[in-house]
Amino acid sequence: MKSDRLLSILLLLQTRGRVPARELADRLEVSVRTVYRDVESLSAAGVPVYAERGRHGGIALLPGYRTDVTGLTADEARALFVLATGSTHADLGLDGALGSALRKVMAALPAPHRPAAEATSRRILVDPVRWLGGPAAAPAVDVGELQGAVLADRRLRLRYRHGGQDAPRTYTVDPYGLVAKAGVWYLVADRRARPQLFRADRVAAVTVTGEAVRRRAGVELTDAWEVLRREVEQRPAGLRVTATVRRSRLDMFLRLLGPSVAAPPSAGDPATVELLLSEPRAARALLPFGPDVEVLSPEEVRTDLAQVAAATAELYGRPRAGTPGTLPDPAS
């Protein structure tokens, strides 16, 4: 609706300052001509808005102009109060600020919308952390410190430890921002003009350099994250593994290994499942299922699992030194 679009333009200009007409058109999914017509409508309604043509032009409000907008719809009011629990805001040091902000929003809401917003905040909860995630190890650099470094708009020097490596390495990066994914924080940054992910809990140290950040023109955090997300999810998996799964364990199997399942499981008990894995060792994720899951092929995966299972059985099959029942016999 035009009224919603006019309100969106007003809010964007109020928060962003001068905005190019093309950017407004892209955000609102309309033509540039429509944007200019909307600007004329705002001006006719008494809003001090003006347009500047040229390379550095755009749409802007007169300096100092502010308006209190309370025209939220019922659904918009409810959406503001669907909260995510867990440590997301606390990690950034914003948990107290969030509560304060929501109280202010509640006070500013039109009276008819307040009961629905309050009910939503009490009845809807979003927990982004995966089941059985367990407590995370305390990182050397907390997310709040990393956030401060990112907001400095300077290049960062990271001491970063990769998975499976003991010694950290040093990188100079150009940060786009932070992303929380399934309870894990990631730094999205360019390294040598290419996007790269860094797990926040593996950052051993961060230093803000004196150099201005060098982000690629036109690339925002969402753009860089989308590229990296696709790379992770579409990473080639060249090993096809066939396994059988007892029907009683199939739901849990699919929850844990769903992204690796190549086709719907067969009917019957046990069900036959095809998996696409990156390497034979990746199939070790099946070992916690014990005899409820059997790999049928390839043989190299069966061999690897058998060796790991045998080594585990040997470890737990021998008495542990110093435990009851392992003391030497005095008569011997």
C-alpha atoms as a PDB file:
ATOM      1  CA  MET A   1       0.000   0.000   0.000  1.00  0.00           C
ATOM      2  CA  LYS A   2       1.149   3.528  -0.758  1.00  0.00           C
ATOM      3  CA  SER A   3       0.721   4.689   2.852  1.00  0.00           C
ATOM      4  CA  ASP A   4       3.044   1.917   4.081  1.00  0.00           C
ATOM      5  CA  ARG A   5       5.587   2.849   1.428  1.00  0.00           C
ATOM      6  CA  LEU A   6       5.503   6.536   2.371  1.00  0.00           C
ATOM      7  CA  LEU A   7       6.032   5.616   6.013  1.00  0.00           C
ATOM      8  CA  SER A   8       8.947   3.351   5.051  1.00  0.00           C
ATOM      9  CA  ILE A   9      10.575   6.159   3.061  1.00  0.00           C
ATOM     10  CA  LEU A  10      10.152   8.568   5.965  1.00  0.00           C
ATOM     11  CA  LEU A  11      11.713   6.130   8.441  1.00  0.00           C
ATOM     12  CA  LEU A  12      14.630   5.319   6.113  1.00  0.00           C
ATOM     13  CA  LEU A  13      15.400   8.991   5.580  1.00  0.00           C
ATOM     14  CA  GLN A  14      15.109   9.697   9.286  1.00  0.00           C
ATOM     15  CA  THR A  15      17.585   6.972  10.192  1.00  0.00           C
ATOM     16  CA  ARG A  16      19.934   7.061   7.196  1.00  0.00           C
ATOM     17  CA  GLY A  17      20.075  10.713   6.161  1.00  0.00           C
ATOM     18  CA  ARG A  18      20.523  11.213   2.407  1.00  0.00           C
ATOM     19  CA  VAL A  19      19.640   8.029   0.475  1.00  0.00           C
ATOM     20  CA  PRO A  20      20.006   7.597  -3.313  1.00  0.00           C
ATOM     21  CA  ALA A  21      16.680   7.226  -5.133  1.00  0.00           C
ATOM     22  CA  ARG A  22      17.869   3.962  -6.701  1.00  0.00           C
ATOM     23  CA  GLU A  23      18.582   2.464  -3.272  1.00  0.00           C
ATOM     24  CA  LEU A  24      15.127   3.454  -2.021  1.00  0.00           C
ATOM     25  CA  ALA A  25      13.578   1.924  -5.133  1.00  0.00           C
ATOM     26  CA  ASP A  26      15.492  -1.335  -4.636  1.00  0.00           C
ATOM     27  CA  ARG A  27      14.558  -1.558  -0.946  1.00  0.00           C
ATOM     28  CA  LEU A  28      10.874  -0.886  -1.605  1.00  0.00           C
ATOM     29  CA  GLU A  29      10.775  -2.933  -4.840  1.00  0.00           C
ATOM     30  CA  VAL A  30       9.378  -0.108  -6.935  1.00  0.00           C
ATOM     31  CA  SER A  31      10.681   2.053  -9.772  1.00  0.00           C
ATOM     32  CA  VAL A  32      12.755   5.202  -9.295  1.00  0.00           C
ATOM     33  CA  ARG A  33       9.898   7.160 -10.879  1.00  0.00           C
ATOM     34  CA  THR A  34       7.558   5.854  -8.142  1.00  0.00           C
ATOM     35  CA  VAL A  35      10.028   6.969  -5.477  1.00  0.00           C
ATOM     36  CA  TYR A  36      10.047  10.518  -6.838  1.00  0.00           C
ATOM     37  CA  ARG A  37       6.224  10.537  -6.937  1.00  0.00           C
ATOM     38  CA  ASP A  38       6.176   9.389  -3.295  1.00  0.00           C
ATOM     39  CA  VAL A  39       8.602  12.184  -2.379  1.00  0.00           C
ATOM     40  CA  GLU A  40       6.207  14.693  -3.974  1.00  0.00           C
ATOM     41  CA  SER A  41       3.358  13.192  -1.896  1.00  0.00           C
ATOM     42  CA  LEU A  42       5.375  13.545   1.315  1.00  0.00           C
ATOM     43  CA  SER A  43       6.233  17.138   0.460  1.00  0.00           C
ATOM     44  CA  ALA A  44       2.572  17.908  -0.237  1.00  0.00           C
ATOM     45  CA  ALA A  45       1.715  16.503   3.193  1.00  0.00           C
ATOM     46  CA  GLY A  46       4.082  18.980   4.861  1.00  0.00           C
ATOM     47  CA  VAL A  47       7.141  16.764   5.300  1.00  0.00           C
ATOM     48  CA  PRO A  48      10.303  18.820   4.557  1.00  0.00           C
ATOM     49  CA  VAL A  49      11.812  16.359   2.089  1.00  0.00           C
ATOM     50  CA  TYR A  50      13.865  17.280  -0.958  1.00  0.00           C
ATOM     51  CA  ALA A  51      15.748  15.589  -3.795  1.00  0.00           C
ATOM     52  CA  GLU A  52      19.217  16.379  -5.107  1.00  0.00           C
ATOM     53  CA  ARG A  53      20.220  15.159  -8.538  1.00  0.00           C
ATOM     54  CA  GLY A  54      23.722  14.236  -9.606  1.00  0.00           C
ATOM     55  CA  ARG A  55      26.396  11.752  -8.713  1.00  0.00           C
ATOM     56  CA  HIS A  56      26.305  12.480  -4.966  1.00  0.00           C
ATOM     57  CA  GLY A  57      22.634  13.351  -4.808  1.00  0.00           C
ATOM     58  CA  GLY A  58      19.722  11.567  -3.228  1.00  0.00           C
ATOM     59  CA  ILE A  59      16.574  12.034  -1.164  1.00  0.00           C
ATOM     60  CA  ALA A  60      16.872  13.701   2.254  1.00  0.00           C
ATOM     61  CA  LEU A  61      14.960  15.453   5.018  1.00  0.00           C
ATOM     62  CA  LEU A  62      15.812  18.985   6.125  1.00  0.00           C
ATOM     63  CA  PRO A  63      18.410  18.904   8.952  1.00  0.00           C
ATOM     64  CA  GLY A  64      16.891  18.606  12.410  1.00  0.00           C
ATOM     65  CA  TYR A  65      13.517  17.305  11.248  1.00  0.00           C
ATOM     66  CA  ARG A  66      12.204  14.407  13.347  1.00  0.00           C
ATOM     67  CA  THR A  67       8.815  12.801  13.675  1.00  0.00           C
ATOM     68  CA  ASP A  68       7.381  10.342  16.184  1.00  0.00           C
ATOM     69  CA  VAL A  69       5.815   7.536  14.201  1.00  0.00           C
ATOM     70  CA  THR A  70       3.338   5.381  16.117  1.00  0.00           C
ATOM     71  CA  GLY A  71       1.458   3.932  13.159  1.00  0.00           C
ATOM     72  CA  LEU A  72       2.473   0.336  13.835  1.00  0.00           C
ATOM     73  CA  THR A  73       0.025  -2.345  12.765  1.00  0.00           C
ATOM     74  CA  ALA A  74      -1.010  -5.124  15.156  1.00  0.00           C
ATOM     75  CA  ASP A  75       1.224  -7.668  13.381  1.00  0.00           C
ATOM     76  CA  GLU A  76       4.206  -5.283  13.413  1.00  0.00           C
ATOM     77  CA  ALA A  77       3.774  -4.724  17.139  1.00  0.00           C
ATOM     78  CA  ARG A  78       3.610  -8.472  17.799  1.00  0.00           C
ATOM     79  CA  ALA A  79       6.666  -9.110  15.620  1.00  0.00           C
ATOM     80  CA  LEU A  80       8.770  -6.782  17.778  1.00  0.00           C
ATOM     81  CA  PHE A  81       8.058  -8.884  20.853  1.00  0.00           C
ATOM     82  CA  VAL A  82       8.961 -12.329  19.479  1.00  0.00           C
ATOM     83  CA  LEU A  83      12.185 -12.745  21.421  1.00  0.00           C
ATOM     84  CA  ALA A  84      15.143 -15.032  21.046  1.00  0.00           C
ATOM     85  CA  THR A  85      16.376 -16.518  24.288  1.00  0.00           C
ATOM     86  CA  GLY A  86      19.883 -17.725  25.039  1.00  0.00           C
ATOM     87  CA  SER A  87      23.033 -15.652  25.066  1.00  0.00           C
ATOM     88  CA  THR A  88      22.727 -13.740  21.782  1.00  0.00           C
ATOM     89  CA  HIS A  89      22.093 -10.316  23.322  1.00  0.00           C
ATOM     90  CA  ALA A  90      24.122 -11.079  26.443  1.00  0.00           C
ATOM     91  CA  ASP A  91      27.153 -11.966  24.283  1.00  0.00           C
ATOM     92  CA  LEU A  92      27.018  -8.460  22.843  1.00  0.00           C
ATOM     93  CA  GLY A  93      26.412  -6.830  26.228  1.00  0.00           C
ATOM     94  CA  LEU A  94      22.951  -5.769  25.105  1.00  0.00           C
ATOM     95  CA  ASP A  95      20.655  -7.904  27.283  1.00  0.00           C
ATOM     96  CA  GLY A  96      19.887  -5.007  29.637  1.00  0.00           C
ATOM     97  CA  ALA A  97      19.459  -2.585  26.734  1.00  0.00           C
ATOM     98  CA  LEU A  98      17.030  -4.969  25.035  1.00  0.00           C
ATOM     99  CA  GLY A  99      14.710  -5.074  28.032  1.00  0.00           C
ATOM    100  CA  SER A 100      14.811  -1.304  28.369  1.00  0.00           C
ATOM    101  CA  ALA A 101      14.143  -0.788  24.654  1.00  0.00           C
ATOM    102  CA  LEU A 102      11.154  -3.127  24.677  1.00  0.00           C
ATOM    103  CA  ARG A 103       9.655  -1.332  27.658  1.00  0.00           C
ATOM    104  CA  LYS A 104       9.939   1.954  25.756  1.00  0.00           C
ATOM    105  CA  VAL A 105       8.411   0.421  22.634  1.00  0.00           C
ATOM    106  CA  MET A 106       5.554  -1.009  24.705  1.00  0.00           C
ATOM    107  CA  ALA A 107       4.860   2.448  26.157  1.00  0.00           C
ATOM    108  CA  ALA A 108       4.829   3.987  22.670  1.00  0.00           C
ATOM    109  CA  LEU A 109       2.513   1.396  21.132  1.00  0.00           C
ATOM    110  CA  PRO A 110      -1.063   2.344  20.333  1.00  0.00           C
ATOM    111  CA  ALA A 111      -3.168   1.196  23.291  1.00  0.00           C
ATOM    112  CA  PRO A 112      -5.212  -1.387  21.290  1.00  0.00           C
ATOM    113  CA  HIS A 113      -2.029  -3.255  20.302  1.00  0.00           C
ATOM    114  CA  ARG A 114      -0.423  -3.530  23.753  1.00  0.00           C
ATOM    115  CA  PRO A 115      -2.301  -6.636  25.027  1.00  0.00           C
ATOM    116  CA  ALA A 116      -1.411  -8.648  21.892  1.00  0.00           C
ATOM    117  CA  ALA A 117       2.243  -7.561  22.044  1.00  0.00           C
ATOM    118  CA  GLU A 118       2.502  -8.459  25.725  1.00  0.00           C
ATOM    119  CA  ALA A 119       0.837 -11.842  25.165  1.00  0.00           C
ATOM    120  CA  THR A 120       3.238 -12.566  22.296  1.00  0.00           C
ATOM    121  CA  SER A 121       6.280 -11.797  24.464  1.00  0.00           C
ATOM    122  CA  ARG A 122       4.996 -14.249  27.115  1.00  0.00           C
ATOM    123  CA  ARG A 123       3.800 -17.036  24.789  1.00  0.00           C
ATOM    124  CA  ILE A 124       6.367 -17.107  21.956  1.00  0.00           C
ATOM    125  CA  LEU A 125      10.022 -17.958  22.552  1.00  0.00           C
ATOM    126  CA  VAL A 126      12.794 -18.610  20.036  1.00  0.00           C
ATOM    127  CA  ASP A 127      15.865 -20.527  21.209  1.00  0.00           C
ATOM    128  CA  PRO A 128      18.529 -20.555  18.455  1.00  0.00           C
ATOM    129  CA  VAL A 129      20.848 -23.028  20.210  1.00  0.00           C
ATOM    130  CA  ARG A 130      20.832 -26.637  18.977  1.00  0.00           C
ATOM    131  CA  TRP A 131      19.782 -29.486  21.276  1.00  0.00           C
ATOM    132  CA  LEU A 132      22.554 -31.023  23.357  1.00  0.00           C
ATOM    133  CA  GLY A 133      24.862 -28.204  22.387  1.00  0.00           C
ATOM    134  CA  GLY A 134      26.497 -28.250  25.791  1.00  0.00           C
ATOM    135  CA  PRO A 135      28.343 -25.363  27.408  1.00  0.00           C
ATOM    136  CA  ALA A 136      30.810 -23.708  25.083  1.00  0.00           C
ATOM    137  CA  ALA A 137      34.402 -23.254  26.109  1.00  0.00           C
ATOM    138  CA  ALA A 138      35.171 -19.693  27.183  1.00  0.00           C
ATOM    139  CA  PRO A 139      36.825 -17.917  24.222  1.00  0.00           C
ATOM    140  CA  ALA A 140      40.011 -15.923  24.663  1.00  0.00           C
ATOM    141  CA  VAL A 141      38.238 -12.900  23.137  1.00  0.00           C
ATOM    142  CA  ASP A 142      34.596 -12.360  24.059  1.00  0.00           C
ATOM    143  CA  VAL A 143      32.033 -11.423  21.429  1.00  0.00           C
ATOM    144  CA  GLY A 144      31.506  -7.983  22.967  1.00  0.00           C
ATOM    145  CA  GLU A 145      35.170  -7.138  22.440  1.00  0.00           C
ATOM    146  CA  LEU A 146      35.023  -8.481  18.900  1.00  0.00           C
ATOM    147  CA  GLN A 147      31.920  -6.379  18.238  1.00  0.00           C
ATOM    148  CA  GLY A 148      33.738  -3.238  19.388  1.00  0.00           C
ATOM    149  CA  ALA A 149      36.595  -4.030  17.020  1.00  0.00           C
ATOM    150  CA  VAL A 150      34.213  -4.562  14.107  1.00  0.00           C
ATOM    151  CA  LEU A 151      32.380  -1.280  14.744  1.00  0.00           C
ATOM    152  CA  ALA A 152      35.671   0.644  14.697  1.00  0.00           C
ATOM    153  CA  ASP A 153      35.646   0.380  10.869  1.00  0.00           C
ATOM    154  CA  ARG A 154      39.352  -0.407  10.837  1.00  0.00           C
ATOM    155  CA  ARG A 155      41.272  -3.397   9.574  1.00  0.00           C
ATOM    156  CA  LEU A 156      41.707  -6.080  12.224  1.00  0.00           C
ATOM    157  CA  ARG A 157      44.689  -8.273  13.041  1.00  0.00           C
ATOM    158  CA  LEU A 158      43.532 -11.659  14.305  1.00  0.00           C
ATOM    159  CA  ARG A 159      45.358 -14.421  16.103  1.00  0.00           C
ATOM    160  CA  TYR A 160      43.214 -17.351  15.026  1.00  0.00           C
ATOM    161  CA  ARG A 161      43.368 -21.081  15.733  1.00  0.00           C
ATOM    162  CA  HIS A 162      41.926 -23.362  13.066  1.00  0.00           C
ATOM    163  CA  GLY A 163      40.143 -26.578  14.015  1.00  0.00           C
ATOM    164  CA  GLY A 164      42.583 -29.450  14.482  1.00  0.00           C
ATOM    165  CA  GLN A 165      45.544 -27.096  14.970  1.00  0.00           C
ATOM    166  CA  ASP A 166      47.158 -26.141  18.267  1.00  0.00           C
ATOM    167  CA  ALA A 167      49.063 -23.007  17.259  1.00  0.00           C
ATOM    168  CA  PRO A 168      47.144 -19.876  16.187  1.00  0.00           C
ATOM    169  CA  ARG A 169      47.976 -18.055  12.960  1.00  0.00           C
ATOM    170  CA  THR A 170      47.937 -14.318  12.265  1.00  0.00           C
ATOM    171  CA  TYR A 171      45.627 -12.729   9.689  1.00  0.00           C
ATOM    172  CA  THR A 172      44.871  -9.150   8.672  1.00  0.00           C
ATOM    173  CA  VAL A 173      41.202  -8.893   7.676  1.00  0.00           C
ATOM    174  CA  ASP A 174      38.569  -6.377   6.634  1.00  0.00           C
ATOM    175  CA  PRO A 175      35.449  -7.065   8.745  1.00  0.00           C
ATOM    176  CA  TYR A 176      31.850  -6.899   7.550  1.00  0.00           C
ATOM    177  CA  GLY A 177      30.273  -7.920  10.847  1.00  0.00           C
ATOM    178  CA  LEU A 178      29.209 -10.722  13.173  1.00  0.00           C
ATOM    179  CA  VAL A 179      26.695 -13.504  12.544  1.00  0.00           C
ATOM    180  CA  ALA A 180      25.118 -15.824  15.134  1.00  0.00           C
ATOM    181  CA  LYS A 181      24.366 -19.220  13.569  1.00  0.00           C
ATOM    182  CA  ALA A 182      22.770 -21.983  15.695  1.00  0.00           C
ATOM    183  CA  GLY A 183      24.279 -20.567  18.880  1.00  0.00           C
ATOM    184  CA  VAL A 184      27.769 -20.011  17.409  1.00  0.00           C
ATOM    185  CA  TRP A 185      29.172 -16.552  16.619  1.00  0.00           C
ATOM    186  CA  TYR A 186      31.146 -16.000  13.418  1.00  0.00           C
ATOM    187  CA  LEU A 187      33.170 -13.048  12.180  1.00  0.00           C
ATOM    188  CA  VAL A 188      32.570 -12.407   8.465  1.00  0.00           C
ATOM    189  CA  ALA A 189      35.530 -10.632   6.912  1.00  0.00           C
ATOM    190  CA  ASP A 190      37.490 -10.260   3.707  1.00  0.00           C
ATOM    191  CA  ARG A 191      40.996 -11.663   3.636  1.00  0.00           C
ATOM    192  CA  ARG A 192      42.906 -10.590   0.550  1.00  0.00           C
ATOM    193  CA  ALA A 193      39.606  -9.349  -0.948  1.00  0.00           C
ATOM    194  CA  ARG A 194      37.872 -12.727  -0.547  1.00  0.00           C
ATOM    195  CA  PRO A 195      35.191 -13.515   2.067  1.00  0.00           C
ATOM    196  CA  GLN A 196      36.139 -15.838   4.919  1.00  0.00           C
ATOM    197  CA  LEU A 197      34.486 -17.136   8.102  1.00  0.00           C
ATOM    198  CA  PHE A 198      36.191 -17.044  11.499  1.00  0.00           C
ATOM    199  CA  ARG A 199      34.601 -18.727  14.521  1.00  0.00           C
ATOM    200  CA  ALA A 200      34.578 -16.221  17.362  1.00  0.00           C
ATOM    201  CA  ASP A 201      35.504 -18.860  19.953  1.00  0.00           C
ATOM    202  CA  ARG A 202      38.735 -19.593  18.064  1.00  0.00           C
ATOM    203  CA  VAL A 203      39.959 -15.981  18.016  1.00  0.00           C
ATOM    204  CA  ALA A 204      42.882 -15.894  20.438  1.00  0.00           C
ATOM    205  CA  ALA A 205      43.444 -12.131  20.128  1.00  0.00           C
ATOM    206  CA  VAL A 206      42.161  -9.199  18.094  1.00  0.00           C
ATOM    207  CA  THR A 207      43.915  -5.884  17.439  1.00  0.00           C
ATOM    208  CA  VAL A 208      42.372  -2.855  15.779  1.00  0.00           C
ATOM    209  CA  THR A 209      44.930  -1.440  13.327  1.00  0.00           C
ATOM    210  CA  GLY A 210      45.236   2.171  12.257  1.00  0.00           C
ATOM    211  CA  GLU A 211      44.268   1.348   8.675  1.00  0.00           C
ATOM    212  CA  ALA A 212      40.779   2.091   7.364  1.00  0.00           C
ATOM    213  CA  VAL A 213      38.738  -0.982   6.496  1.00  0.00           C
ATOM    214  CA  ARG A 214      38.868  -1.991   2.812  1.00  0.00           C
ATOM    215  CA  ARG A 215      35.534  -3.615   2.030  1.00  0.00           C
ATOM    216  CA  ARG A 216      34.557  -4.462  -1.527  1.00  0.00           C
ATOM    217  CA  ALA A 217      32.350  -1.784  -3.079  1.00  0.00           C
ATOM    218  CA  GLY A 218      28.646  -2.507  -2.823  1.00  0.00           C
ATOM    219  CA  VAL A 219      29.074  -5.580  -0.598  1.00  0.00           C
ATOM    220  CA  GLU A 220      27.206  -5.669   2.724  1.00  0.00           C
ATOM    221  CA  LEU A 221      27.322  -8.182   5.576  1.00  0.00           C
ATOM    222  CA  THR A 222      24.287 -10.052   4.239  1.00  0.00           C
ATOM    223  CA  ASP A 223      25.913 -10.393   0.806  1.00  0.00           C
ATOM    224  CA  ALA A 224      29.195 -11.758   2.159  1.00  0.00           C
ATOM    225  CA  TRP A 225      27.373 -14.111   4.554  1.00  0.00           C
ATOM    226  CA  GLU A 226      25.185 -15.502   1.756  1.00  0.00           C
ATOM    227  CA  VAL A 227      28.261 -16.372  -0.324  1.00  0.00           C
ATOM    228  CA  LEU A 228      29.953 -18.110   2.607  1.00  0.00           C
ATOM    229  CA  ARG A 229      26.764 -19.915   3.675  1.00  0.00           C
ATOM    230  CA  ARG A 230      26.314 -21.348   0.184  1.00  0.00           C
ATOM    231  CA  GLU A 231      29.956 -22.469   0.073  1.00  0.00           C
ATOM    232  CA  VAL A 232      29.522 -24.405   3.323  1.00  0.00           C
ATOM    233  CA  GLU A 233      26.164 -25.951   2.428  1.00  0.00           C
ATOM    234  CA  GLN A 234      27.124 -26.810  -1.150  1.00  0.00           C
ATOM    235  CA  ARG A 235      30.567 -28.165  -0.334  1.00  0.00           C
ATOM    236  CA  PRO A 236      31.063 -31.192  -2.603  1.00  0.00           C
ATOM    237  CA  ALA A 237      30.657 -34.572  -0.938  1.00  0.00           C
ATOM    238  CA  GLY A 238      32.080 -37.235  -3.214  1.00  0.00           C
ATOM    239  CA  LEU A 239      31.690 -40.346  -1.055  1.00  0.00           C
ATOM    240  CA  ARG A 240      28.375 -42.223  -1.280  1.00  0.00           C
ATOM    241  CA  VAL A 241      27.680 -44.422   1.734  1.00  0.00           C
ATOM    242  CA  THR A 242      24.843 -46.930   1.973  1.00  0.00           C
ATOM    243  CA  ALA A 243      23.612 -47.834   5.447  1.00  0.00           C
ATOM    244  CA  THR A 244      20.660 -49.504   7.136  1.00  0.00           C
ATOM    245  CA  VAL A 245      18.924 -47.842  10.087  1.00  0.00           C
ATOM    246  CA  ARG A 246      16.486 -49.441  12.500  1.00  0.00           C
ATOM    247  CA  ARG A 247      13.112 -47.783  12.102  1.00  0.00           C
ATOM    248  CA  SER A 248      12.938 -46.931  15.819  1.00  0.00           C
ATOM    249  CA  ARG A 249      16.091 -44.797  15.445  1.00  0.00           C
ATOM    250  CA  LEU A 250      15.358 -43.299  12.037  1.00  0.00           C
ATOM    251  CA  ASP A 251      13.902 -40.010  13.278  1.00  0.00           C
ATOM    252  CA  MET A 252      16.975 -39.282  15.406  1.00  0.00           C
ATOM    253  CA  PHE A 253      19.261 -40.390  12.560  1.00  0.00           C
ATOM    254  CA  LEU A 254      17.606 -37.955  10.143  1.00  0.00           C
ATOM    255  CA  ARG A 255      17.718 -35.089  12.655  1.00  0.00           C
ATOM    256  CA  LEU A 256      21.452 -35.499  13.169  1.00  0.00           C
ATOM    257  CA  LEU A 257      22.516 -36.424   9.645  1.00  0.00           C
ATOM    258  CA  GLY A 258      19.744 -34.892   7.542  1.00  0.00           C
ATOM    259  CA  PRO A 259      22.024 -32.608   5.469  1.00  0.00           C
ATOM    260  CA  SER A 260      24.046 -35.649   4.353  1.00  0.00           C
ATOM    261  CA  VAL A 261      21.052 -37.799   3.303  1.00  0.00           C
ATOM    262  CA  ALA A 262      20.993 -38.093  -0.501  1.00  0.00           C
ATOM    263  CA  ALA A 263      17.488 -39.570  -0.931  1.00  0.00           C
ATOM    264  CA  PRO A 264      14.421 -40.484   1.158  1.00  0.00           C
ATOM    265  CA  PRO A 265      14.945 -43.670   3.243  1.00  0.00           C
ATOM    266  CA  SER A 266      13.406 -46.870   1.940  1.00  0.00           C
ATOM    267  CA  ALA A 267      10.361 -48.477   3.502  1.00  0.00           C
ATOM    268  CA  GLY A 268      10.680 -51.420   5.852  1.00  0.00           C
ATOM    269  CA  ASP A 269      12.688 -52.102   8.966  1.00  0.00           C
ATOM    270  CA  PRO A 270      15.585 -51.528   8.819  1.00  0.00           C
ATOM    271  CA  ALA A 271      15.408 -48.642   6.343  1.00  0.00           C
ATOM    272  CA  THR A 272      18.111 -48.235   3.732  1.00  0.00           C
ATOM    273  CA  VAL A 273      19.645 -44.756   3.581  1.00  0.00           C
ATOM    274  CA  GLU A 274      22.070 -43.207   1.097  1.00  0.00           C
ATOM    275  CA  LEU A 275      24.530 -40.642   2.496  1.00  0.00           C
ATOM    276  CA  LEU A 276      26.903 -38.256   0.762  1.00  0.00           C
ATOM    277  CA  LEU A 277      30.006 -37.689   2.892  1.00  0.00           C
ATOM    278  CA  SER A 278      33.241 -35.789   2.350  1.00  0.00           C
ATOM    279  CA  GLU A 279      35.578 -38.642   3.417  1.00  0.00           C
ATOM    280  CA  PRO A 280      35.504 -42.100   5.058  1.00  0.00           C
ATOM    281  CA  ARG A 281      36.288 -40.681   8.512  1.00  0.00           C
ATOM    282  CA  ALA A 282      33.109 -38.587   8.372  1.00  0.00           C
ATOM    283  CA  ALA A 283      31.128 -41.827   8.748  1.00  0.00           C
ATOM    284  CA  ARG A 284      32.386 -42.094  12.342  1.00  0.00           C
ATOM    285  CA  ALA A 285      29.416 -39.894  13.224  1.00  0.00           C
ATOM    286  CA  LEU A 286      27.378 -43.127  12.884  1.00  0.00           C
ATOM    287  CA  LEU A 287      29.193 -44.908  15.723  1.00  0.00           C
ATOM    288  CA  PRO A 288      27.016 -43.458  18.538  1.00  0.00           C
ATOM    289  CA  PHE A 289      24.074 -45.366  17.028  1.00  0.00           C
ATOM    290  CA  GLY A 290      25.843 -48.662  17.799  1.00  0.00           C
ATOM    291  CA  PRO A 291      24.219 -51.738  16.200  1.00  0.00           C
ATOM    292  CA  ASP A 292      21.151 -49.727  15.190  1.00  0.00           C
ATOM    293  CA  VAL A 293      23.033 -48.485  12.104  1.00  0.00           C
ATOM    294  CA  GLU A 294      25.093 -50.688   9.787  1.00  0.00           C
ATOM    295  CA  VAL A 295      27.134 -49.400   6.859  1.00  0.00           C
ATOM    296  CA  LEU A 296      26.785 -51.729   3.871  1.00  0.00           C
ATOM    297  CA  SER A 297      29.202 -49.988   1.518  1.00  0.00           C
ATOM    298  CA  PRO A 298      31.826 -48.935   0.639  1.00  0.00           C
ATOM    299  CA  GLU A 299      34.166 -51.451   2.216  1.00  0.00           C
ATOM    300  CA  GLU A 300      36.736 -48.821   3.220  1.00  0.00           C
ATOM    301  CA  VAL A 301      34.137 -47.183   5.480  1.00  0.00           C
ATOM    302  CA  ARG A 302      33.174 -50.520   7.044  1.00  0.00           C
ATOM    303  CA  THR A 303      36.857 -51.213   7.692  1.00  0.00           C
ATOM    304  CA  ASP A 304      37.446 -47.806   9.289  1.00  0.00           C
ATOM    305  CA  LEU A 305      34.398 -48.149  11.553  1.00  0.00           C
ATOM    306  CA  ALA A 306      35.409 -51.684  12.552  1.00  0.00           C
ATOM    307  CA  GLN A 307      38.890 -50.494  13.516  1.00  0.00           C
ATOM    308  CA  VAL A 308      37.565 -47.608  15.598  1.00  0.00           C
ATOM    309  CA  ALA A 309      34.990 -49.843  17.276  1.00  0.00           C
ATOM    310  CA  ALA A 310      37.625 -52.518  18.018  1.00  0.00           C
ATOM    311  CA  ALA A 311      40.017 -49.964  19.499  1.00  0.00           C
ATOM    312  CA  THR A 312      37.204 -48.599  21.679  1.00  0.00           C
ATOM    313  CA  ALA A 313      36.204 -52.102  22.827  1.00  0.00           C
ATOM    314  CA  GLU A 314      39.829 -52.900  23.681  1.00  0.00           C
ATOM    315  CA  LEU A 315      40.182 -49.656  25.642  1.00  0.00           C
ATOM    316  CA  TYR A 316      37.162 -50.392  27.811  1.00  0.00           C
ATOM    317  CA  GLY A 317      37.749 -54.128  27.952  1.00  0.00           C
ATOM    318  CA  ARG A 318      40.975 -53.942  29.923  1.00  0.00           C
ATOM    319  CA  PRO A 319      40.992 -53.067  33.656  1.00  0.00           C
ATOM    320  CA  ARG A 320      42.037 -49.541  34.516  1.00  0.00           C
ATOM    321  CA  ALA A 321      45.111 -49.357  36.764  1.00  0.00           C
ATOM    322  CA  GLY A 322      44.323 -48.435  40.362  1.00  0.00           C
ATOM    323  CA  THR A 323      40.618 -49.322  40.244  1.00  0.00           C
ATOM    324  CA  PRO A 324      38.993 -52.020  42.452  1.00  0.00           C
ATOM    325  CA  GLY A 325      39.619 -55.474  41.136  1.00  0.00           C
ATOM    326  CA  THR A 326      42.980 -54.617  39.572  1.00  0.00           C
ATOM    327  CA  LEU A 327      45.215 -54.759  42.659  1.00  0.00           C
ATOM    328  CA  PRO A 328      48.022 -57.326  42.396  1.00  0.00           C
ATOM    329  CA  ASP A 329      47.434 -60.664  44.173  1.00  0.00           C
ATOM    330  CA  PRO A 330      49.742 -60.806  47.251  1.00  0.00           C
ATOM    331  CA  ALA A 331      50.034 -64.610  46.859  1.00  0.00           C
ATOM    332  CA  SER A 332      51.418 -64.357  43.372  1.00  0.00           C
END
